[in-house]
Amino acid sequence: MVSRMYDVIQVGRSKTLAGMRAVPISAYCKAELLRWRNLIGPEFSAWVFHNFTNRRHPLQRGGRKAWANTLKKAGLPFFPIYYLRHTFASRLTSAGVSPLTIAQMLGHSSTQIVPRYAQVMDQNRLDAMKKLEELKKSAIGSQEVAKAAADETVREVPQ
């Protein structure tokens, strides 16, 4: 349920107690979810991608087909909806969010599972290597400048 008063999604039903939570959302996300709700009507479903045949977990099984159809209509290649969870956790990690906060937002009771979801994005690893190379170049450059200055000093000293 999207709270109109606060910028959160209330997860009231979950397979675990930790799964019942309030997840903060951006103003843009809130506006789009409320627009979707107004378009289909509040009595339709509490889910964005609903499977009416699976009453216990409406997002499972038939939800995959609804997700696949949505991607197809949007002109996007198929990917499992669960990848969004990985991306969310990875971006939170990249932004420096604590593992405890990430675990709470994902609905986990501990931080042990977070590394599984929150893998550092490849671009961050590439950027880290570039920074290391720049540091090495600047250190080598500094050594060469210091050596050249020392050589110059030795040449200038009268004998």
N, C-alpha and C. Protein backbone atom coordinates (compact mmCIF):
# COMPACT_ATOMS: atom_id res chain seq x y z
N MET A 1 0.84 -1.18 0.00
CA MET A 1 0.00 0.00 0.00
C MET A 1 0.89 1.24 0.00
N VAL A 2 0.61 2.19 -0.89
CA VAL A 2 1.36 3.44 -0.95
C VAL A 2 0.69 4.45 -0.03
N SER A 3 1.46 4.98 0.90
CA SER A 3 0.92 5.97 1.83
C SER A 3 0.87 7.33 1.13
N ARG A 4 -0.30 7.94 1.12
CA ARG A 4 -0.43 9.27 0.52
C ARG A 4 0.16 10.34 1.43
N MET A 5 0.21 10.05 2.72
CA MET A 5 0.71 11.04 3.67
C MET A 5 2.24 11.04 3.73
N TYR A 6 2.82 9.85 3.66
CA TYR A 6 4.27 9.72 3.76
C TYR A 6 4.79 9.10 2.47
N ASP A 7 6.06 9.31 2.18
CA ASP A 7 6.65 8.76 0.96
C ASP A 7 7.19 7.35 1.22
N VAL A 8 6.27 6.44 1.50
CA VAL A 8 6.64 5.06 1.81
C VAL A 8 5.63 4.09 1.20
N ILE A 9 6.10 2.87 1.01
CA ILE A 9 5.22 1.75 0.68
C ILE A 9 5.13 0.91 1.94
N GLN A 10 3.94 0.65 2.40
CA GLN A 10 3.71 -0.18 3.58
C GLN A 10 3.58 -1.63 3.12
N VAL A 11 4.49 -2.48 3.57
CA VAL A 11 4.41 -3.91 3.28
C VAL A 11 3.79 -4.55 4.52
N GLY A 12 2.53 -4.88 4.45
CA GLY A 12 1.81 -5.39 5.61
C GLY A 12 1.73 -6.90 5.67
N ARG A 13 1.85 -7.57 4.51
CA ARG A 13 1.82 -9.03 4.47
C ARG A 13 3.15 -9.52 3.95
N SER A 14 3.73 -10.46 4.68
CA SER A 14 5.01 -11.02 4.28
C SER A 14 5.16 -12.40 4.89
N LYS A 15 6.08 -13.19 4.34
CA LYS A 15 6.29 -14.52 4.90
C LYS A 15 7.06 -14.48 6.22
N THR A 16 7.71 -13.34 6.53
CA THR A 16 8.42 -13.19 7.81
C THR A 16 8.05 -11.87 8.46
N LEU A 17 8.30 -11.76 9.77
CA LEU A 17 8.04 -10.49 10.47
C LEU A 17 8.91 -9.37 9.93
N ALA A 18 10.17 -9.69 9.60
CA ALA A 18 11.07 -8.67 9.07
C ALA A 18 10.59 -8.13 7.73
N GLY A 19 9.81 -8.95 7.02
CA GLY A 19 9.30 -8.53 5.72
C GLY A 19 8.21 -7.48 5.80
N MET A 20 7.57 -7.38 6.96
CA MET A 20 6.54 -6.35 7.15
C MET A 20 7.26 -5.06 7.52
N ARG A 21 7.20 -4.08 6.63
CA ARG A 21 8.01 -2.88 6.82
C ARG A 21 7.45 -1.72 6.02
N ALA A 22 8.02 -0.55 6.27
CA ALA A 22 7.71 0.64 5.48
C ALA A 22 8.97 0.97 4.68
N VAL A 23 8.85 0.96 3.36
CA VAL A 23 9.99 1.21 2.48
C VAL A 23 9.86 2.60 1.90
N PRO A 24 10.84 3.48 2.16
CA PRO A 24 10.79 4.83 1.57
C PRO A 24 10.88 4.76 0.05
N ILE A 25 10.16 5.66 -0.61
CA ILE A 25 10.21 5.73 -2.07
C ILE A 25 10.41 7.19 -2.48
N SER A 26 10.88 7.36 -3.69
CA SER A 26 11.08 8.71 -4.21
C SER A 26 9.73 9.35 -4.53
N ALA A 27 9.72 10.66 -4.63
CA ALA A 27 8.49 11.38 -4.98
C ALA A 27 8.01 10.94 -6.37
N TYR A 28 8.95 10.71 -7.29
CA TYR A 28 8.59 10.28 -8.64
C TYR A 28 7.92 8.90 -8.60
N CYS A 29 8.52 7.97 -7.85
CA CYS A 29 7.94 6.62 -7.74
C CYS A 29 6.55 6.68 -7.12
N LYS A 30 6.41 7.47 -6.08
CA LYS A 30 5.10 7.61 -5.43
C LYS A 30 4.06 8.15 -6.41
N ALA A 31 4.43 9.16 -7.16
CA ALA A 31 3.49 9.76 -8.12
C ALA A 31 3.07 8.74 -9.18
N GLU A 32 4.03 7.93 -9.67
CA GLU A 32 3.72 6.93 -10.70
C GLU A 32 2.83 5.82 -10.15
N LEU A 33 3.11 5.36 -8.93
CA LEU A 33 2.28 4.32 -8.33
C LEU A 33 0.86 4.83 -8.06
N LEU A 34 0.74 6.05 -7.60
CA LEU A 34 -0.59 6.61 -7.36
C LEU A 34 -1.32 6.85 -8.68
N ARG A 35 -0.58 7.23 -9.72
CA ARG A 35 -1.19 7.40 -11.06
C ARG A 35 -1.71 6.05 -11.57
N TRP A 36 -0.90 5.00 -11.37
CA TRP A 36 -1.32 3.64 -11.77
C TRP A 36 -2.58 3.22 -11.00
N ARG A 37 -2.60 3.48 -9.69
CA ARG A 37 -3.74 3.13 -8.85
C ARG A 37 -5.00 3.87 -9.34
N ASN A 38 -4.86 5.14 -9.66
CA ASN A 38 -6.01 5.92 -10.15
C ASN A 38 -6.48 5.41 -11.51
N LEU A 39 -5.55 4.93 -12.31
CA LEU A 39 -5.88 4.43 -13.65
C LEU A 39 -6.67 3.13 -13.58
N ILE A 40 -6.24 2.18 -12.73
CA ILE A 40 -6.90 0.87 -12.68
C ILE A 40 -7.97 0.78 -11.60
N GLY A 41 -7.95 1.70 -10.64
CA GLY A 41 -8.93 1.70 -9.56
C GLY A 41 -8.41 0.96 -8.34
N PRO A 42 -8.69 1.46 -7.16
CA PRO A 42 -8.16 0.88 -5.93
C PRO A 42 -8.70 -0.51 -5.61
N GLU A 43 -9.84 -0.88 -6.15
CA GLU A 43 -10.41 -2.18 -5.86
C GLU A 43 -9.81 -3.30 -6.72
N PHE A 44 -9.02 -2.96 -7.73
CA PHE A 44 -8.47 -3.97 -8.65
C PHE A 44 -7.52 -4.93 -7.95
N SER A 45 -6.45 -4.41 -7.35
CA SER A 45 -5.47 -5.26 -6.69
C SER A 45 -4.50 -4.40 -5.90
N ALA A 46 -3.95 -4.98 -4.87
CA ALA A 46 -2.90 -4.29 -4.11
C ALA A 46 -1.55 -4.42 -4.81
N TRP A 47 -1.48 -5.27 -5.82
CA TRP A 47 -0.24 -5.54 -6.54
C TRP A 47 -0.20 -4.78 -7.87
N VAL A 48 1.00 -4.44 -8.31
CA VAL A 48 1.15 -3.84 -9.65
C VAL A 48 1.06 -4.94 -10.70
N PHE A 49 1.73 -6.09 -10.46
CA PHE A 49 1.68 -7.26 -11.35
C PHE A 49 1.02 -8.39 -10.56
N HIS A 50 -0.23 -8.61 -10.81
CA HIS A 50 -1.03 -9.51 -9.99
C HIS A 50 -1.30 -10.83 -10.69
N ASN A 51 -1.33 -11.90 -9.90
CA ASN A 51 -1.72 -13.23 -10.37
C ASN A 51 -2.94 -13.65 -9.56
N PHE A 52 -4.11 -13.57 -10.14
CA PHE A 52 -5.34 -13.87 -9.41
C PHE A 52 -5.47 -15.36 -9.05
N THR A 53 -4.76 -16.24 -9.75
CA THR A 53 -4.91 -17.67 -9.48
C THR A 53 -4.08 -18.13 -8.29
N ASN A 54 -3.08 -17.37 -7.87
CA ASN A 54 -2.27 -17.74 -6.71
C ASN A 54 -2.65 -16.82 -5.55
N ARG A 55 -3.57 -17.25 -4.72
CA ARG A 55 -4.09 -16.40 -3.65
C ARG A 55 -3.08 -16.17 -2.53
N ARG A 56 -2.19 -17.13 -2.29
CA ARG A 56 -1.23 -16.99 -1.18
C ARG A 56 -0.13 -15.99 -1.53
N HIS A 57 0.45 -16.12 -2.72
CA HIS A 57 1.52 -15.22 -3.16
C HIS A 57 1.18 -14.73 -4.57
N PRO A 58 0.40 -13.66 -4.68
CA PRO A 58 -0.08 -13.21 -5.98
C PRO A 58 1.01 -12.80 -6.98
N LEU A 59 2.22 -12.53 -6.50
CA LEU A 59 3.27 -12.13 -7.43
C LEU A 59 3.98 -13.32 -8.06
N GLN A 60 3.84 -14.49 -7.50
CA GLN A 60 4.54 -15.66 -8.01
C GLN A 60 3.82 -16.28 -9.18
N ARG A 61 4.54 -17.03 -9.94
CA ARG A 61 4.08 -17.77 -11.11
C ARG A 61 3.45 -16.86 -12.16
N GLY A 62 2.16 -16.60 -12.10
CA GLY A 62 1.48 -15.81 -13.12
C GLY A 62 1.98 -14.38 -13.19
N GLY A 63 2.56 -13.90 -12.09
CA GLY A 63 3.13 -12.56 -12.08
C GLY A 63 4.27 -12.43 -13.07
N ARG A 64 4.99 -13.53 -13.29
CA ARG A 64 6.11 -13.53 -14.25
C ARG A 64 5.59 -13.22 -15.66
N LYS A 65 4.45 -13.80 -15.99
CA LYS A 65 3.86 -13.57 -17.31
C LYS A 65 3.44 -12.11 -17.46
N ALA A 66 2.82 -11.56 -16.41
CA ALA A 66 2.42 -10.15 -16.45
C ALA A 66 3.65 -9.25 -16.59
N TRP A 67 4.72 -9.59 -15.89
CA TRP A 67 5.97 -8.82 -15.97
C TRP A 67 6.56 -8.93 -17.38
N ALA A 68 6.58 -10.14 -17.93
CA ALA A 68 7.12 -10.35 -19.28
C ALA A 68 6.32 -9.56 -20.31
N ASN A 69 5.00 -9.57 -20.18
CA ASN A 69 4.15 -8.81 -21.11
C ASN A 69 4.40 -7.31 -20.98
N THR A 70 4.59 -6.85 -19.76
CA THR A 70 4.85 -5.42 -19.54
C THR A 70 6.15 -5.01 -20.20
N LEU A 71 7.20 -5.82 -20.02
CA LEU A 71 8.49 -5.51 -20.66
C LEU A 71 8.37 -5.51 -22.18
N LYS A 72 7.63 -6.49 -22.70
CA LYS A 72 7.45 -6.59 -24.15
C LYS A 72 6.74 -5.35 -24.69
N LYS A 73 5.68 -4.92 -24.01
CA LYS A 73 4.95 -3.72 -24.44
C LYS A 73 5.82 -2.47 -24.37
N ALA A 74 6.74 -2.47 -23.43
CA ALA A 74 7.64 -1.32 -23.28
C ALA A 74 8.82 -1.39 -24.24
N GLY A 75 8.93 -2.51 -24.98
CA GLY A 75 10.03 -2.67 -25.93
C GLY A 75 11.36 -3.01 -25.25
N LEU A 76 11.29 -3.63 -24.07
CA LEU A 76 12.49 -3.98 -23.33
C LEU A 76 12.71 -5.49 -23.36
N PRO A 77 13.97 -5.93 -23.36
CA PRO A 77 14.22 -7.37 -23.32
C PRO A 77 13.83 -7.94 -21.96
N PHE A 78 13.48 -9.22 -21.94
CA PHE A 78 13.06 -9.84 -20.68
C PHE A 78 14.22 -9.93 -19.69
N PHE A 79 13.92 -9.68 -18.45
CA PHE A 79 14.80 -9.98 -17.33
C PHE A 79 13.91 -10.26 -16.13
N PRO A 80 14.35 -11.15 -15.24
CA PRO A 80 13.52 -11.47 -14.07
C PRO A 80 13.29 -10.22 -13.21
N ILE A 81 12.08 -10.07 -12.69
CA ILE A 81 11.74 -8.92 -11.86
C ILE A 81 12.63 -8.85 -10.63
N TYR A 82 13.13 -9.99 -10.20
CA TYR A 82 13.99 -10.05 -9.02
C TYR A 82 15.30 -9.27 -9.22
N TYR A 83 15.69 -9.08 -10.49
CA TYR A 83 16.91 -8.30 -10.77
C TYR A 83 16.78 -6.87 -10.25
N LEU A 84 15.55 -6.37 -10.18
CA LEU A 84 15.35 -5.02 -9.66
C LEU A 84 15.77 -4.94 -8.20
N ARG A 85 15.57 -6.01 -7.47
CA ARG A 85 15.98 -6.08 -6.06
C ARG A 85 17.50 -6.02 -5.96
N HIS A 86 18.19 -6.75 -6.81
CA HIS A 86 19.65 -6.72 -6.83
C HIS A 86 20.16 -5.33 -7.18
N THR A 87 19.55 -4.72 -8.18
CA THR A 87 19.96 -3.38 -8.60
C THR A 87 19.75 -2.37 -7.47
N PHE A 88 18.61 -2.47 -6.82
CA PHE A 88 18.30 -1.58 -5.70
C PHE A 88 19.36 -1.71 -4.61
N ALA A 89 19.66 -2.94 -4.21
CA ALA A 89 20.66 -3.17 -3.16
C ALA A 89 22.04 -2.72 -3.59
N SER A 90 22.40 -2.97 -4.84
CA SER A 90 23.72 -2.55 -5.35
C SER A 90 23.87 -1.04 -5.35
N ARG A 91 22.83 -0.36 -5.77
CA ARG A 91 22.91 1.11 -5.80
C ARG A 91 22.93 1.71 -4.40
N LEU A 92 22.21 1.10 -3.47
CA LEU A 92 22.28 1.57 -2.09
C LEU A 92 23.69 1.37 -1.54
N THR A 93 24.30 0.22 -1.84
CA THR A 93 25.67 -0.04 -1.40
C THR A 93 26.63 0.97 -2.01
N SER A 94 26.49 1.22 -3.30
CA SER A 94 27.35 2.20 -3.98
C SER A 94 27.21 3.59 -3.40
N ALA A 95 26.02 3.89 -2.89
CA ALA A 95 25.78 5.21 -2.30
C ALA A 95 26.27 5.29 -0.86
N GLY A 96 26.80 4.17 -0.34
CA GLY A 96 27.35 4.18 1.01
C GLY A 96 26.33 3.94 2.11
N VAL A 97 25.17 3.38 1.77
CA VAL A 97 24.15 3.09 2.77
C VAL A 97 24.60 1.89 3.60
N SER A 98 24.34 1.91 4.88
CA SER A 98 24.79 0.83 5.77
C SER A 98 24.09 -0.48 5.45
N PRO A 99 24.80 -1.61 5.65
CA PRO A 99 24.18 -2.92 5.41
C PRO A 99 22.92 -3.15 6.25
N LEU A 100 22.88 -2.62 7.47
CA LEU A 100 21.70 -2.78 8.31
C LEU A 100 20.48 -2.11 7.67
N THR A 101 20.66 -0.90 7.17
CA THR A 101 19.55 -0.19 6.52
C THR A 101 19.11 -0.92 5.26
N ILE A 102 20.07 -1.41 4.48
CA ILE A 102 19.74 -2.17 3.26
C ILE A 102 18.95 -3.41 3.62
N ALA A 103 19.40 -4.15 4.64
CA ALA A 103 18.69 -5.37 5.07
C ALA A 103 17.26 -5.04 5.48
N GLN A 104 17.08 -3.96 6.22
CA GLN A 104 15.74 -3.57 6.65
C GLN A 104 14.86 -3.20 5.46
N MET A 105 15.42 -2.48 4.50
CA MET A 105 14.63 -2.09 3.33
C MET A 105 14.26 -3.28 2.46
N LEU A 106 15.13 -4.31 2.46
CA LEU A 106 14.85 -5.52 1.68
C LEU A 106 13.94 -6.49 2.44
N GLY A 107 13.75 -6.24 3.75
CA GLY A 107 12.89 -7.09 4.55
C GLY A 107 13.60 -8.27 5.18
N HIS A 108 14.91 -8.16 5.40
CA HIS A 108 15.68 -9.22 6.05
C HIS A 108 15.86 -8.91 7.52
N SER A 109 15.95 -9.96 8.33
CA SER A 109 16.12 -9.76 9.76
C SER A 109 17.58 -9.57 10.16
N SER A 110 18.52 -9.91 9.27
CA SER A 110 19.93 -9.70 9.56
C SER A 110 20.64 -9.20 8.31
N THR A 111 21.90 -8.79 8.49
CA THR A 111 22.67 -8.26 7.36
C THR A 111 23.42 -9.36 6.61
N GLN A 112 23.33 -10.60 7.05
CA GLN A 112 24.11 -11.68 6.44
C GLN A 112 23.79 -11.90 4.97
N ILE A 113 22.57 -11.67 4.55
CA ILE A 113 22.17 -11.93 3.17
C ILE A 113 22.49 -10.75 2.25
N VAL A 114 22.74 -9.59 2.81
CA VAL A 114 22.93 -8.38 2.01
C VAL A 114 24.04 -8.51 0.96
N PRO A 115 25.22 -9.07 1.31
CA PRO A 115 26.25 -9.18 0.27
C PRO A 115 25.81 -9.98 -0.96
N ARG A 116 24.88 -10.89 -0.77
CA ARG A 116 24.37 -11.68 -1.90
C ARG A 116 23.65 -10.78 -2.91
N TYR A 117 22.90 -9.83 -2.39
CA TYR A 117 22.15 -8.92 -3.26
C TYR A 117 22.99 -7.72 -3.67
N ALA A 118 23.73 -7.20 -2.72
CA ALA A 118 24.37 -5.90 -2.91
C ALA A 118 25.80 -6.04 -3.42
N GLN A 119 25.92 -6.52 -4.62
CA GLN A 119 27.23 -6.62 -5.24
C GLN A 119 27.58 -5.27 -5.84
N VAL A 120 28.84 -4.87 -5.65
CA VAL A 120 29.27 -3.58 -6.18
C VAL A 120 29.19 -3.62 -7.70
N MET A 121 28.67 -2.57 -8.27
CA MET A 121 28.50 -2.52 -9.71
C MET A 121 29.86 -2.50 -10.41
N ASP A 122 29.92 -3.11 -11.60
CA ASP A 122 31.17 -3.20 -12.35
C ASP A 122 31.80 -1.83 -12.59
N GLN A 123 31.00 -0.83 -12.86
CA GLN A 123 31.55 0.50 -13.12
C GLN A 123 32.31 1.02 -11.91
N ASN A 124 31.81 0.74 -10.72
CA ASN A 124 32.52 1.18 -9.50
C ASN A 124 33.87 0.51 -9.39
N ARG A 125 33.95 -0.76 -9.77
CA ARG A 125 35.23 -1.48 -9.72
C ARG A 125 36.20 -0.92 -10.75
N LEU A 126 35.68 -0.61 -11.94
CA LEU A 126 36.54 -0.01 -12.97
C LEU A 126 37.05 1.36 -12.51
N ASP A 127 36.17 2.15 -11.92
CA ASP A 127 36.57 3.47 -11.41
C ASP A 127 37.62 3.33 -10.32
N ALA A 128 37.49 2.32 -9.48
CA ALA A 128 38.47 2.10 -8.41
C ALA A 128 39.85 1.79 -9.00
N MET A 129 39.88 0.98 -10.04
CA MET A 129 41.17 0.66 -10.68
C MET A 129 41.77 1.89 -11.35
N LYS A 130 40.94 2.73 -11.96
CA LYS A 130 41.44 3.96 -12.59
C LYS A 130 42.06 4.87 -11.53
N LYS A 131 41.41 4.97 -10.38
CA LYS A 131 41.95 5.80 -9.30
C LYS A 131 43.29 5.27 -8.83
N LEU A 132 43.42 3.93 -8.76
CA LEU A 132 44.69 3.32 -8.35
C LEU A 132 45.78 3.62 -9.38
N GLU A 133 45.43 3.53 -10.66
CA GLU A 133 46.40 3.85 -11.72
C GLU A 133 46.81 5.32 -11.66
N GLU A 134 45.86 6.21 -11.42
CA GLU A 134 46.17 7.64 -11.32
C GLU A 134 47.09 7.91 -10.13
N LEU A 135 46.83 7.24 -9.01
CA LEU A 135 47.69 7.39 -7.84
C LEU A 135 49.11 6.93 -8.14
N LYS A 136 49.22 5.80 -8.84
CA LYS A 136 50.55 5.28 -9.20
C LYS A 136 51.27 6.25 -10.13
N LYS A 137 50.55 6.78 -11.12
CA LYS A 137 51.16 7.74 -12.05
C LYS A 137 51.61 8.99 -11.32
N SER A 138 50.78 9.48 -10.41
CA SER A 138 51.16 10.70 -9.69
C SER A 138 52.34 10.42 -8.77
N ALA A 139 52.41 9.22 -8.19
CA ALA A 139 53.55 8.87 -7.33
C ALA A 139 54.82 8.75 -8.15
N ILE A 140 54.72 8.11 -9.31
CA ILE A 140 55.89 7.99 -10.20
C ILE A 140 56.30 9.36 -10.68
N GLY A 141 55.31 10.18 -11.06
CA GLY A 141 55.60 11.55 -11.51
C GLY A 141 56.28 12.35 -10.41
N SER A 142 55.82 12.22 -9.19
CA SER A 142 56.42 12.94 -8.06
C SER A 142 57.85 12.48 -7.82
N GLN A 143 58.08 11.17 -7.95
CA GLN A 143 59.43 10.65 -7.77
C GLN A 143 60.36 11.18 -8.85
N GLU A 144 59.86 11.23 -10.10
CA GLU A 144 60.68 11.73 -11.21
C GLU A 144 60.98 13.20 -11.03
N VAL A 145 60.02 13.98 -10.58
CA VAL A 145 60.22 15.41 -10.35
C VAL A 145 61.24 15.60 -9.23
N ALA A 146 61.09 14.82 -8.15
CA ALA A 146 62.03 14.93 -7.03
C ALA A 146 63.43 14.55 -7.46
N LYS A 147 63.56 13.49 -8.26
CA LYS A 147 64.87 13.05 -8.74
C LYS A 147 65.48 14.10 -9.65
N ALA A 148 64.68 14.66 -10.55
CA ALA A 148 65.18 15.70 -11.46
C ALA A 148 65.63 16.93 -10.68
N ALA A 149 64.87 17.31 -9.67
CA ALA A 149 65.24 18.46 -8.85
C ALA A 149 66.54 18.18 -8.10
N ALA A 150 66.70 16.97 -7.60
CA ALA A 150 67.94 16.60 -6.90
C ALA A 150 69.12 16.62 -7.85
N ASP A 151 68.94 16.09 -9.06
CA ASP A 151 70.00 16.10 -10.05
C ASP A 151 70.40 17.52 -10.42
N GLU A 152 69.40 18.38 -10.57
CA GLU A 152 69.64 19.78 -10.91
C GLU A 152 70.43 20.47 -9.78
N THR A 153 70.06 20.17 -8.56
CA THR A 153 70.74 20.76 -7.40
C THR A 153 72.20 20.32 -7.37
N VAL A 154 72.45 19.05 -7.65
CA VAL A 154 73.82 18.52 -7.65
C VAL A 154 74.64 19.22 -8.73
N ARG A 155 74.08 19.47 -9.91
CA ARG A 155 74.79 20.13 -11.00
C ARG A 155 75.10 21.57 -10.68
N GLU A 156 74.23 22.21 -9.92
CA GLU A 156 74.40 23.63 -9.63
C GLU A 156 75.40 23.89 -8.49
N VAL A 157 75.66 22.90 -7.67
CA VAL A 157 76.56 23.09 -6.54
C VAL A 157 77.99 23.23 -7.08
N PRO A 158 78.69 24.37 -6.75
CA PRO A 158 80.06 24.54 -7.23
C PRO A 158 81.00 23.53 -6.55
N GLN A 159 81.96 23.06 -7.32
CA GLN A 159 82.87 22.06 -6.78
C GLN A 159 84.19 22.63 -6.40
